[in-house]
Amino acid sequence: PGYHCDPKQPLGFMGLASQKNYISLYSMCLYGANNHLEWFQNEWPKYS
């Protein structure tokens, strides 16, 4: 079925891009599932 907004596109999961003022890492599972977001937020201070 692909991505619902444009089925010609595959289903996106992660992305990495260099923007003007920062590097951006997109992780759709953080947006799509609270348990993954909470895990990431709890792990962050252990690594940074």
All heavy atoms as atom14 arrays in JSON, in Angstrom:
{
  "sequence": "PGYHCDPKQPLGFMGLASQKNYISLYSMCLYGANNHLEWFQNEWPKYS",
  "atom14_mask": [
    [1, 1, 1, 1, 1, 1, 1, 0, 0, 0, 0, 0, 0, 0],
    [1, 1, 1, 1, 0, 0, 0, 0, 0, 0, 0, 0, 0, 0],
    [1, 1, 1, 1, 1, 1, 1, 1, 1, 1, 1, 1, 0, 0],
    [1, 1, 1, 1, 1, 1, 1, 1, 1, 1, 0, 0, 0, 0],
    [1, 1, 1, 1, 1, 1, 0, 0, 0, 0, 0, 0, 0, 0],
    [1, 1, 1, 1, 1, 1, 1, 1, 0, 0, 0, 0, 0, 0],
    [1, 1, 1, 1, 1, 1, 1, 0, 0, 0, 0, 0, 0, 0],
    [1, 1, 1, 1, 1, 1, 1, 1, 1, 0, 0, 0, 0, 0],
    [1, 1, 1, 1, 1, 1, 1, 1, 1, 0, 0, 0, 0, 0],
    [1, 1, 1, 1, 1, 1, 1, 0, 0, 0, 0, 0, 0, 0],
    [1, 1, 1, 1, 1, 1, 1, 1, 0, 0, 0, 0, 0, 0],
    [1, 1, 1, 1, 0, 0, 0, 0, 0, 0, 0, 0, 0, 0],
    [1, 1, 1, 1, 1, 1, 1, 1, 1, 1, 1, 0, 0, 0],
    [1, 1, 1, 1, 1, 1, 1, 1, 0, 0, 0, 0, 0, 0],
    [1, 1, 1, 1, 0, 0, 0, 0, 0, 0, 0, 0, 0, 0],
    [1, 1, 1, 1, 1, 1, 1, 1, 0, 0, 0, 0, 0, 0],
    [1, 1, 1, 1, 1, 0, 0, 0, 0, 0, 0, 0, 0, 0],
    [1, 1, 1, 1, 1, 1, 0, 0, 0, 0, 0, 0, 0, 0],
    [1, 1, 1, 1, 1, 1, 1, 1, 1, 0, 0, 0, 0, 0],
    [1, 1, 1, 1, 1, 1, 1, 1, 1, 0, 0, 0, 0, 0],
    [1, 1, 1, 1, 1, 1, 1, 1, 0, 0, 0, 0, 0, 0],
    [1, 1, 1, 1, 1, 1, 1, 1, 1, 1, 1, 1, 0, 0],
    [1, 1, 1, 1, 1, 1, 1, 1, 0, 0, 0, 0, 0, 0],
    [1, 1, 1, 1, 1, 1, 0, 0, 0, 0, 0, 0, 0, 0],
    [1, 1, 1, 1, 1, 1, 1, 1, 0, 0, 0, 0, 0, 0],
    [1, 1, 1, 1, 1, 1, 1, 1, 1, 1, 1, 1, 0, 0],
    [1, 1, 1, 1, 1, 1, 0, 0, 0, 0, 0, 0, 0, 0],
    [1, 1, 1, 1, 1, 1, 1, 1, 0, 0, 0, 0, 0, 0],
    [1, 1, 1, 1, 1, 1, 0, 0, 0, 0, 0, 0, 0, 0],
    [1, 1, 1, 1, 1, 1, 1, 1, 0, 0, 0, 0, 0, 0],
    [1, 1, 1, 1, 1, 1, 1, 1, 1, 1, 1, 1, 0, 0],
    [1, 1, 1, 1, 0, 0, 0, 0, 0, 0, 0, 0, 0, 0],
    [1, 1, 1, 1, 1, 0, 0, 0, 0, 0, 0, 0, 0, 0],
    [1, 1, 1, 1, 1, 1, 1, 1, 0, 0, 0, 0, 0, 0],
    [1, 1, 1, 1, 1, 1, 1, 1, 0, 0, 0, 0, 0, 0],
    [1, 1, 1, 1, 1, 1, 1, 1, 1, 1, 0, 0, 0, 0],
    [1, 1, 1, 1, 1, 1, 1, 1, 0, 0, 0, 0, 0, 0],
    [1, 1, 1, 1, 1, 1, 1, 1, 1, 0, 0, 0, 0, 0],
    [1, 1, 1, 1, 1, 1, 1, 1, 1, 1, 1, 1, 1, 1],
    [1, 1, 1, 1, 1, 1, 1, 1, 1, 1, 1, 0, 0, 0],
    [1, 1, 1, 1, 1, 1, 1, 1, 1, 0, 0, 0, 0, 0],
    [1, 1, 1, 1, 1, 1, 1, 1, 0, 0, 0, 0, 0, 0],
    [1, 1, 1, 1, 1, 1, 1, 1, 1, 0, 0, 0, 0, 0],
    [1, 1, 1, 1, 1, 1, 1, 1, 1, 1, 1, 1, 1, 1],
    [1, 1, 1, 1, 1, 1, 1, 0, 0, 0, 0, 0, 0, 0],
    [1, 1, 1, 1, 1, 1, 1, 1, 1, 0, 0, 0, 0, 0],
    [1, 1, 1, 1, 1, 1, 1, 1, 1, 1, 1, 1, 0, 0],
    [1, 1, 1, 1, 1, 1, 0, 0, 0, 0, 0, 0, 0, 0]
  ],
  "atom14_positions": [
    [[0.8, -1.23, 0.0], [0.0, 0.0, 0.0], [0.83, 1.28, 0.0], [0.36, 2.33, -0.43], [-0.83, -0.09, 1.29], [-0.86, -1.54, 1.64], [0.46, -2.09, 1.15], [0.0, 0.0, 0.0], [0.0, 0.0, 0.0], [0.0, 0.0, 0.0], [0.0, 0.0, 0.0], [0.0, 0.0, 0.0], [0.0, 0.0, 0.0], [0.0, 0.0, 0.0]],
    [[2.07, 1.24, 0.5], [2.91, 2.43, 0.54], [2.37, 3.48, 1.5], [1.54, 3.21, 2.36], [0.0, 0.0, 0.0], [0.0, 0.0, 0.0], [0.0, 0.0, 0.0], [0.0, 0.0, 0.0], [0.0, 0.0, 0.0], [0.0, 0.0, 0.0], [0.0, 0.0, 0.0], [0.0, 0.0, 0.0], [0.0, 0.0, 0.0], [0.0, 0.0, 0.0]],
    [[2.87, 4.68, 1.33], [2.5, 5.81, 2.18], [1.1, 6.29, 1.81], [0.83, 6.56, 0.64], [3.55, 6.91, 1.99], [3.28, 8.19, 2.74], [3.0, 8.18, 4.1], [3.34, 9.41, 2.09], [2.77, 9.36, 4.78], [3.13, 10.6, 2.77], [2.85, 10.56, 4.12], [2.62, 11.73, 4.79], [0.0, 0.0, 0.0], [0.0, 0.0, 0.0]],
    [[0.22, 6.42, 2.78], [-1.2, 6.69, 2.48], [-1.44, 8.01, 1.74], [-2.37, 8.11, 0.97], [-2.04, 6.64, 3.77], [-1.85, 7.8, 4.68], [-0.75, 7.91, 5.51], [-2.6, 8.9, 4.91], [-0.84, 9.03, 6.2], [-1.95, 9.65, 5.86], [0.0, 0.0, 0.0], [0.0, 0.0, 0.0], [0.0, 0.0, 0.0], [0.0, 0.0, 0.0]],
    [[-0.6, 9.02, 1.96], [-0.79, 10.3, 1.26], [-0.35, 10.25, -0.2], [-0.83, 11.04, -1.01], [-0.04, 11.41, 1.98], [-0.74, 11.83, 3.59], [0.0, 0.0, 0.0], [0.0, 0.0, 0.0], [0.0, 0.0, 0.0], [0.0, 0.0, 0.0], [0.0, 0.0, 0.0], [0.0, 0.0, 0.0], [0.0, 0.0, 0.0], [0.0, 0.0, 0.0]],
    [[0.55, 9.34, -0.5], [1.03, 9.14, -1.87], [1.46, 7.68, -2.0], [2.62, 7.35, -1.78], [2.2, 10.07, -2.19], [2.69, 9.93, -3.63], [2.15, 9.07, -4.38], [3.63, 10.66, -4.0], [0.0, 0.0, 0.0], [0.0, 0.0, 0.0], [0.0, 0.0, 0.0], [0.0, 0.0, 0.0], [0.0, 0.0, 0.0], [0.0, 0.0, 0.0]],
    [[0.51, 6.78, -2.33], [0.81, 5.35, -2.37], [1.95, 4.95, -3.32], [2.47, 3.85, -3.21], [-0.52, 4.73, -2.81], [-1.55, 5.72, -2.4], [-0.89, 7.06, -2.56], [0.0, 0.0, 0.0], [0.0, 0.0, 0.0], [0.0, 0.0, 0.0], [0.0, 0.0, 0.0], [0.0, 0.0, 0.0], [0.0, 0.0, 0.0], [0.0, 0.0, 0.0]],
    [[2.36, 5.84, -4.22], [3.51, 5.55, -5.08], [4.81, 5.55, -4.26], [5.8, 4.97, -4.69], [3.62, 6.57, -6.21], [2.5, 6.49, -7.23], [2.73, 7.5, -8.32], [1.39, 8.07, -8.74], [1.52, 9.32, -9.46], [0.0, 0.0, 0.0], [0.0, 0.0, 0.0], [0.0, 0.0, 0.0], [0.0, 0.0, 0.0], [0.0, 0.0, 0.0]],
    [[4.78, 6.23, -3.12], [5.94, 6.31, -2.26], [5.95, 5.16, -1.25], [4.9, 4.79, -0.74], [5.94, 7.64, -1.47], [5.99, 8.86, -2.35], [7.26, 8.93, -3.15], [8.35, 8.64, -2.66], [7.14, 9.29, -4.42], [0.0, 0.0, 0.0], [0.0, 0.0, 0.0], [0.0, 0.0, 0.0], [0.0, 0.0, 0.0], [0.0, 0.0, 0.0]],
    [[7.12, 4.61, -0.95], [7.17, 3.57, 0.09], [6.9, 4.2, 1.46], [6.96, 5.42, 1.62], [8.6, 3.04, -0.01], [9.38, 4.15, -0.64], [8.42, 4.89, -1.54], [0.0, 0.0, 0.0], [0.0, 0.0, 0.0], [0.0, 0.0, 0.0], [0.0, 0.0, 0.0], [0.0, 0.0, 0.0], [0.0, 0.0, 0.0], [0.0, 0.0, 0.0]],
    [[6.63, 3.36, 2.42], [6.33, 3.82, 3.78], [7.62, 4.28, 4.46], [8.52, 3.48, 4.71], [5.67, 2.69, 4.57], [5.34, 2.97, 6.02], [4.39, 4.17, 6.14], [4.74, 1.73, 6.66], [0.0, 0.0, 0.0], [0.0, 0.0, 0.0], [0.0, 0.0, 0.0], [0.0, 0.0, 0.0], [0.0, 0.0, 0.0], [0.0, 0.0, 0.0]],
    [[7.71, 5.56, 4.74], [8.89, 6.12, 5.39], [9.04, 5.67, 6.83], [8.05, 5.44, 7.53], [0.0, 0.0, 0.0], [0.0, 0.0, 0.0], [0.0, 0.0, 0.0], [0.0, 0.0, 0.0], [0.0, 0.0, 0.0], [0.0, 0.0, 0.0], [0.0, 0.0, 0.0], [0.0, 0.0, 0.0], [0.0, 0.0, 0.0], [0.0, 0.0, 0.0]],
    [[10.29, 5.56, 7.27], [10.56, 5.17, 8.65], [11.55, 6.12, 9.33], [11.29, 6.63, 10.39], [11.09, 3.74, 8.7], [11.43, 3.29, 10.08], [10.45, 3.18, 11.05], [12.74, 3.0, 10.43], [10.76, 2.78, 12.34], [13.06, 2.59, 11.72], [12.07, 2.49, 12.68], [0.0, 0.0, 0.0], [0.0, 0.0, 0.0], [0.0, 0.0, 0.0]],
    [[12.7, 6.35, 8.72], [13.7, 7.26, 9.28], [14.24, 8.14, 8.17], [14.19, 7.77, 6.99], [14.88, 6.5, 9.92], [14.54, 5.74, 11.18], [16.0, 5.0, 11.97], [16.46, 6.35, 13.06], [0.0, 0.0, 0.0], [0.0, 0.0, 0.0], [0.0, 0.0, 0.0], [0.0, 0.0, 0.0], [0.0, 0.0, 0.0], [0.0, 0.0, 0.0]],
    [[14.76, 9.29, 8.56], [15.39, 10.19, 7.61], [16.52, 10.96, 8.27], [16.52, 11.18, 9.48], [0.0, 0.0, 0.0], [0.0, 0.0, 0.0], [0.0, 0.0, 0.0], [0.0, 0.0, 0.0], [0.0, 0.0, 0.0], [0.0, 0.0, 0.0], [0.0, 0.0, 0.0], [0.0, 0.0, 0.0], [0.0, 0.0, 0.0], [0.0, 0.0, 0.0]],
    [[17.47, 11.38, 7.46], [18.64, 12.1, 7.93], [18.94, 13.2, 6.93], [19.04, 12.94, 5.73], [19.81, 11.12, 8.04], [21.17, 11.65, 8.43], [21.14, 12.3, 9.81], [22.19, 10.5, 8.42], [0.0, 0.0, 0.0], [0.0, 0.0, 0.0], [0.0, 0.0, 0.0], [0.0, 0.0, 0.0], [0.0, 0.0, 0.0], [0.0, 0.0, 0.0]],
    [[19.04, 14.44, 7.43], [19.29, 15.56, 6.52], [20.11, 16.64, 7.21], [20.02, 16.84, 8.42], [17.96, 16.15, 6.04], [0.0, 0.0, 0.0], [0.0, 0.0, 0.0], [0.0, 0.0, 0.0], [0.0, 0.0, 0.0], [0.0, 0.0, 0.0], [0.0, 0.0, 0.0], [0.0, 0.0, 0.0], [0.0, 0.0, 0.0], [0.0, 0.0, 0.0]],
    [[20.89, 17.33, 6.41], [21.64, 18.47, 6.88], [20.84, 19.72, 6.53], [20.67, 20.03, 5.36], [23.02, 18.5, 6.22], [23.74, 19.64, 6.63], [0.0, 0.0, 0.0], [0.0, 0.0, 0.0], [0.0, 0.0, 0.0], [0.0, 0.0, 0.0], [0.0, 0.0, 0.0], [0.0, 0.0, 0.0], [0.0, 0.0, 0.0], [0.0, 0.0, 0.0]],
    [[20.36, 20.41, 7.55], [19.59, 21.64, 7.35], [20.54, 22.83, 7.51], [21.72, 22.65, 7.81], [18.45, 21.71, 8.38], [17.57, 20.49, 8.43], [16.71, 20.29, 7.19], [16.69, 21.11, 6.28], [16.0, 19.18, 7.14], [0.0, 0.0, 0.0], [0.0, 0.0, 0.0], [0.0, 0.0, 0.0], [0.0, 0.0, 0.0], [0.0, 0.0, 0.0]],
    [[20.01, 24.02, 7.35], [20.85, 25.22, 7.44], [21.54, 25.34, 8.8], [22.73, 25.61, 8.87], [20.01, 26.46, 7.16], [20.79, 27.74, 7.18], [19.94, 28.92, 6.85], [20.77, 30.2, 6.89], [19.97, 31.38, 6.61], [0.0, 0.0, 0.0], [0.0, 0.0, 0.0], [0.0, 0.0, 0.0], [0.0, 0.0, 0.0], [0.0, 0.0, 0.0]],
    [[20.78, 25.15, 9.88], [21.31, 25.4, 11.21], [21.51, 24.15, 12.07], [21.89, 24.27, 13.24], [20.41, 26.38, 11.96], [20.39, 27.73, 11.29], [21.43, 28.27, 10.94], [19.21, 28.28, 11.1], [0.0, 0.0, 0.0], [0.0, 0.0, 0.0], [0.0, 0.0, 0.0], [0.0, 0.0, 0.0], [0.0, 0.0, 0.0], [0.0, 0.0, 0.0]],
    [[21.22, 23.0, 11.53], [21.33, 21.76, 12.32], [21.26, 20.54, 11.42], [20.91, 20.63, 10.25], [20.23, 21.69, 13.39], [18.82, 21.87, 12.86], [18.11, 20.79, 12.35], [18.22, 23.12, 12.86], [16.82, 20.96, 11.85], [16.93, 23.29, 12.37], [16.25, 22.21, 11.87], [14.98, 22.37, 11.37], [0.0, 0.0, 0.0], [0.0, 0.0, 0.0]],
    [[21.59, 19.41, 12.03], [21.4, 18.12, 11.38], [20.12, 17.55, 11.95], [19.9, 17.59, 13.17], [22.59, 17.18, 11.68], [23.87, 17.76, 11.1], [22.33, 15.78, 11.12], [25.13, 17.12, 11.63], [0.0, 0.0, 0.0], [0.0, 0.0, 0.0], [0.0, 0.0, 0.0], [0.0, 0.0, 0.0], [0.0, 0.0, 0.0], [0.0, 0.0, 0.0]],
    [[19.26, 17.04, 11.11], [17.99, 16.51, 11.58], [17.92, 15.01, 11.34], [18.3, 14.52, 10.28], [16.81, 17.21, 10.91], [16.94, 17.16, 9.51], [0.0, 0.0, 0.0], [0.0, 0.0, 0.0], [0.0, 0.0, 0.0], [0.0, 0.0, 0.0], [0.0, 0.0, 0.0], [0.0, 0.0, 0.0], [0.0, 0.0, 0.0], [0.0, 0.0, 0.0]],
    [[17.46, 14.32, 12.38], [17.2, 12.89, 12.31], [15.72, 12.7, 12.56], [15.21, 13.13, 13.6], [18.02, 12.12, 13.36], [17.71, 10.63, 13.46], [18.15, 9.91, 12.18], [18.4, 10.03, 14.67], [0.0, 0.0, 0.0], [0.0, 0.0, 0.0], [0.0, 0.0, 0.0], [0.0, 0.0, 0.0], [0.0, 0.0, 0.0], [0.0, 0.0, 0.0]],
    [[15.05, 12.1, 11.61], [13.61, 11.85, 11.72], [13.41, 10.37, 12.04], [13.97, 9.52, 11.36], [12.9, 12.18, 10.4], [13.08, 13.61, 9.98], [14.19, 14.01, 9.26], [12.13, 14.57, 10.3], [14.37, 15.32, 8.87], [12.3, 15.89, 9.91], [13.41, 16.26, 9.2], [13.58, 17.56, 8.82], [0.0, 0.0, 0.0], [0.0, 0.0, 0.0]],
    [[12.63, 10.1, 13.06], [12.3, 8.72, 13.4], [10.8, 8.65, 13.64], [10.3, 9.09, 14.68], [13.07, 8.29, 14.66], [12.73, 6.96, 14.97], [0.0, 0.0, 0.0], [0.0, 0.0, 0.0], [0.0, 0.0, 0.0], [0.0, 0.0, 0.0], [0.0, 0.0, 0.0], [0.0, 0.0, 0.0], [0.0, 0.0, 0.0], [0.0, 0.0, 0.0]],
    [[10.11, 8.13, 12.66], [8.65, 8.14, 12.71], [8.08, 7.3, 13.84], [6.99, 7.56, 14.31], [8.07, 7.7, 11.36], [8.4, 8.66, 10.23], [7.95, 10.38, 10.58], [6.18, 10.23, 10.67], [0.0, 0.0, 0.0], [0.0, 0.0, 0.0], [0.0, 0.0, 0.0], [0.0, 0.0, 0.0], [0.0, 0.0, 0.0], [0.0, 0.0, 0.0]],
    [[8.82, 6.3, 14.33], [8.28, 5.51, 15.43], [8.17, 6.35, 16.7], [7.34, 6.04, 17.57], [9.1, 4.24, 15.67], [10.7, 4.49, 16.46], [0.0, 0.0, 0.0], [0.0, 0.0, 0.0], [0.0, 0.0, 0.0], [0.0, 0.0, 0.0], [0.0, 0.0, 0.0], [0.0, 0.0, 0.0], [0.0, 0.0, 0.0], [0.0, 0.0, 0.0]],
    [[8.93, 7.42, 16.82], [8.82, 8.3, 17.98], [7.51, 9.08, 17.95], [6.95, 9.41, 18.98], [10.01, 9.26, 18.05], [11.38, 8.62, 18.21], [12.46, 9.68, 18.22], [11.44, 7.76, 19.46], [0.0, 0.0, 0.0], [0.0, 0.0, 0.0], [0.0, 0.0, 0.0], [0.0, 0.0, 0.0], [0.0, 0.0, 0.0], [0.0, 0.0, 0.0]],
    [[7.05, 9.38, 16.75], [5.79, 10.09, 16.57], [4.6, 9.15, 16.63], [3.54, 9.49, 17.11], [5.82, 10.83, 15.23], [4.58, 11.62, 14.91], [4.21, 12.7, 15.68], [3.8, 11.29, 13.81], [3.07, 13.44, 15.38], [2.66, 12.02, 13.5], [2.31, 13.09, 14.28], [1.19, 13.82, 13.98], [0.0, 0.0, 0.0], [0.0, 0.0, 0.0]],
    [[4.8, 7.94, 16.16], [3.7, 7.0, 16.02], [3.4, 6.14, 17.22], [2.34, 5.51, 17.28], [0.0, 0.0, 0.0], [0.0, 0.0, 0.0], [0.0, 0.0, 0.0], [0.0, 0.0, 0.0], [0.0, 0.0, 0.0], [0.0, 0.0, 0.0], [0.0, 0.0, 0.0], [0.0, 0.0, 0.0], [0.0, 0.0, 0.0], [0.0, 0.0, 0.0]],
    [[4.3, 6.09, 18.2], [4.09, 5.2, 19.35], [4.68, 5.83, 20.61], [5.89, 6.03, 20.7], [4.73, 3.84, 19.09], [0.0, 0.0, 0.0], [0.0, 0.0, 0.0], [0.0, 0.0, 0.0], [0.0, 0.0, 0.0], [0.0, 0.0, 0.0], [0.0, 0.0, 0.0], [0.0, 0.0, 0.0], [0.0, 0.0, 0.0], [0.0, 0.0, 0.0]],
    [[3.82, 6.13, 21.56], [4.26, 6.79, 22.79], [5.32, 6.0, 23.54], [6.2, 6.59, 24.16], [3.06, 7.07, 23.7], [2.26, 8.27, 23.23], [2.77, 9.11, 22.5], [1.01, 8.32, 23.63], [0.0, 0.0, 0.0], [0.0, 0.0, 0.0], [0.0, 0.0, 0.0], [0.0, 0.0, 0.0], [0.0, 0.0, 0.0], [0.0, 0.0, 0.0]],
    [[5.23, 4.67, 23.51], [6.23, 3.89, 24.26], [7.63, 4.09, 23.7], [8.6, 4.12, 24.45], [5.86, 2.4, 24.3], [5.81, 1.75, 22.93], [5.34, 2.35, 21.96], [6.27, 0.53, 22.84], [0.0, 0.0, 0.0], [0.0, 0.0, 0.0], [0.0, 0.0, 0.0], [0.0, 0.0, 0.0], [0.0, 0.0, 0.0], [0.0, 0.0, 0.0]],
    [[7.76, 4.26, 22.39], [9.08, 4.51, 21.81], [9.56, 5.92, 22.14], [10.74, 6.13, 22.43], [9.06, 4.27, 20.3], [8.76, 2.86, 19.94], [9.6, 1.82, 20.25], [7.69, 2.3, 19.33], [9.08, 0.68, 19.84], [7.91, 0.95, 19.28], [0.0, 0.0, 0.0], [0.0, 0.0, 0.0], [0.0, 0.0, 0.0], [0.0, 0.0, 0.0]],
    [[8.65, 6.88, 22.1], [9.01, 8.26, 22.46], [9.45, 8.33, 23.92], [10.49, 8.93, 24.23], [7.82, 9.19, 22.21], [8.02, 10.65, 22.64], [9.19, 11.28, 21.9], [6.74, 11.44, 22.42], [0.0, 0.0, 0.0], [0.0, 0.0, 0.0], [0.0, 0.0, 0.0], [0.0, 0.0, 0.0], [0.0, 0.0, 0.0], [0.0, 0.0, 0.0]],
    [[8.69, 7.72, 24.82], [9.05, 7.74, 26.24], [10.4, 7.05, 26.47], [11.23, 7.54, 27.24], [7.96, 7.07, 27.06], [6.7, 7.89, 27.14], [5.53, 7.14, 27.77], [5.74, 6.04, 28.34], [4.4, 7.65, 27.67], [0.0, 0.0, 0.0], [0.0, 0.0, 0.0], [0.0, 0.0, 0.0], [0.0, 0.0, 0.0], [0.0, 0.0, 0.0]],
    [[10.62, 5.93, 25.8], [11.91, 5.24, 25.91], [13.04, 6.17, 25.49], [14.04, 6.3, 26.2], [11.91, 3.97, 25.03], [13.28, 3.4, 24.89], [13.91, 2.55, 25.77], [14.22, 3.66, 23.84], [15.17, 2.27, 25.32], [15.38, 2.94, 24.14], [14.18, 4.42, 22.68], [16.51, 2.96, 23.32], [15.29, 4.45, 21.87], [16.44, 3.72, 22.17]],
    [[12.88, 6.82, 24.33], [13.93, 7.7, 23.82], [14.19, 8.86, 24.77], [15.35, 9.18, 25.07], [13.57, 8.21, 22.42], [14.69, 8.97, 21.78], [15.75, 8.31, 21.19], [14.69, 10.36, 21.8], [16.81, 9.01, 20.62], [15.74, 11.07, 21.23], [16.8, 10.4, 20.64], [0.0, 0.0, 0.0], [0.0, 0.0, 0.0], [0.0, 0.0, 0.0]],
    [[13.14, 9.5, 25.25], [13.31, 10.63, 26.16], [13.99, 10.19, 27.47], [14.79, 10.95, 28.02], [11.95, 11.27, 26.46], [11.39, 12.0, 25.26], [9.95, 12.44, 25.44], [9.17, 11.83, 26.17], [9.59, 13.52, 24.75], [0.0, 0.0, 0.0], [0.0, 0.0, 0.0], [0.0, 0.0, 0.0], [0.0, 0.0, 0.0], [0.0, 0.0, 0.0]],
    [[13.69, 9.0, 27.94], [14.33, 8.49, 29.17], [15.79, 8.1, 28.93], [16.61, 8.21, 29.84], [13.55, 7.3, 29.72], [12.23, 7.71, 30.32], [12.07, 8.83, 30.81], [11.26, 6.81, 30.27], [0.0, 0.0, 0.0], [0.0, 0.0, 0.0], [0.0, 0.0, 0.0], [0.0, 0.0, 0.0], [0.0, 0.0, 0.0], [0.0, 0.0, 0.0]],
    [[16.1, 7.61, 27.74], [17.46, 7.21, 27.42], [18.37, 8.4, 27.12], [19.57, 8.34, 27.38], [17.47, 6.26, 26.22], [16.9, 4.89, 26.51], [17.73, 4.11, 27.52], [18.94, 3.91, 27.29], [17.15, 3.71, 28.56], [0.0, 0.0, 0.0], [0.0, 0.0, 0.0], [0.0, 0.0, 0.0], [0.0, 0.0, 0.0], [0.0, 0.0, 0.0]],
    [[17.83, 9.46, 26.58], [18.62, 10.61, 26.14], [19.64, 11.07, 27.18], [20.84, 11.21, 26.86], [17.71, 11.76, 25.73], [18.47, 12.96, 25.29], [18.81, 14.05, 26.06], [19.05, 13.2, 24.01], [19.55, 14.95, 25.33], [19.71, 14.44, 24.06], [19.08, 12.47, 22.82], [20.38, 14.98, 22.99], [19.75, 13.02, 21.73], [20.38, 14.26, 21.81]],
    [[19.24, 11.32, 28.44], [20.23, 11.82, 29.41], [21.34, 10.82, 29.74], [22.39, 11.21, 30.26], [19.41, 12.12, 30.67], [18.0, 11.84, 30.36], [17.9, 11.27, 28.98], [0.0, 0.0, 0.0], [0.0, 0.0, 0.0], [0.0, 0.0, 0.0], [0.0, 0.0, 0.0], [0.0, 0.0, 0.0], [0.0, 0.0, 0.0], [0.0, 0.0, 0.0]],
    [[21.16, 9.57, 29.42], [22.2, 8.57, 29.64], [23.31, 8.68, 28.59], [24.41, 8.17, 28.79], [21.62, 7.15, 29.6], [20.58, 6.89, 30.68], [19.95, 5.53, 30.49], [18.79, 5.32, 31.45], [18.1, 4.04, 31.19], [0.0, 0.0, 0.0], [0.0, 0.0, 0.0], [0.0, 0.0, 0.0], [0.0, 0.0, 0.0], [0.0, 0.0, 0.0]],
    [[23.01, 9.33, 27.46], [23.93, 9.4, 26.33], [24.38, 10.82, 26.0], [25.31, 10.99, 25.23], [23.29, 8.79, 25.08], [23.06, 7.31, 25.21], [21.92, 6.81, 25.82], [24.01, 6.42, 24.75], [21.71, 5.45, 25.95], [23.83, 5.05, 24.88], [22.67, 4.57, 25.48], [22.48, 3.22, 25.62], [0.0, 0.0, 0.0], [0.0, 0.0, 0.0]],
    [[23.67, 11.82, 26.55], [23.99, 13.2, 26.21], [23.73, 14.12, 27.39], [22.72, 13.98, 28.09], [23.15, 13.66, 25.01], [23.43, 15.01, 24.71], [0.0, 0.0, 0.0], [0.0, 0.0, 0.0], [0.0, 0.0, 0.0], [0.0, 0.0, 0.0], [0.0, 0.0, 0.0], [0.0, 0.0, 0.0], [0.0, 0.0, 0.0], [0.0, 0.0, 0.0]]
  ]
}
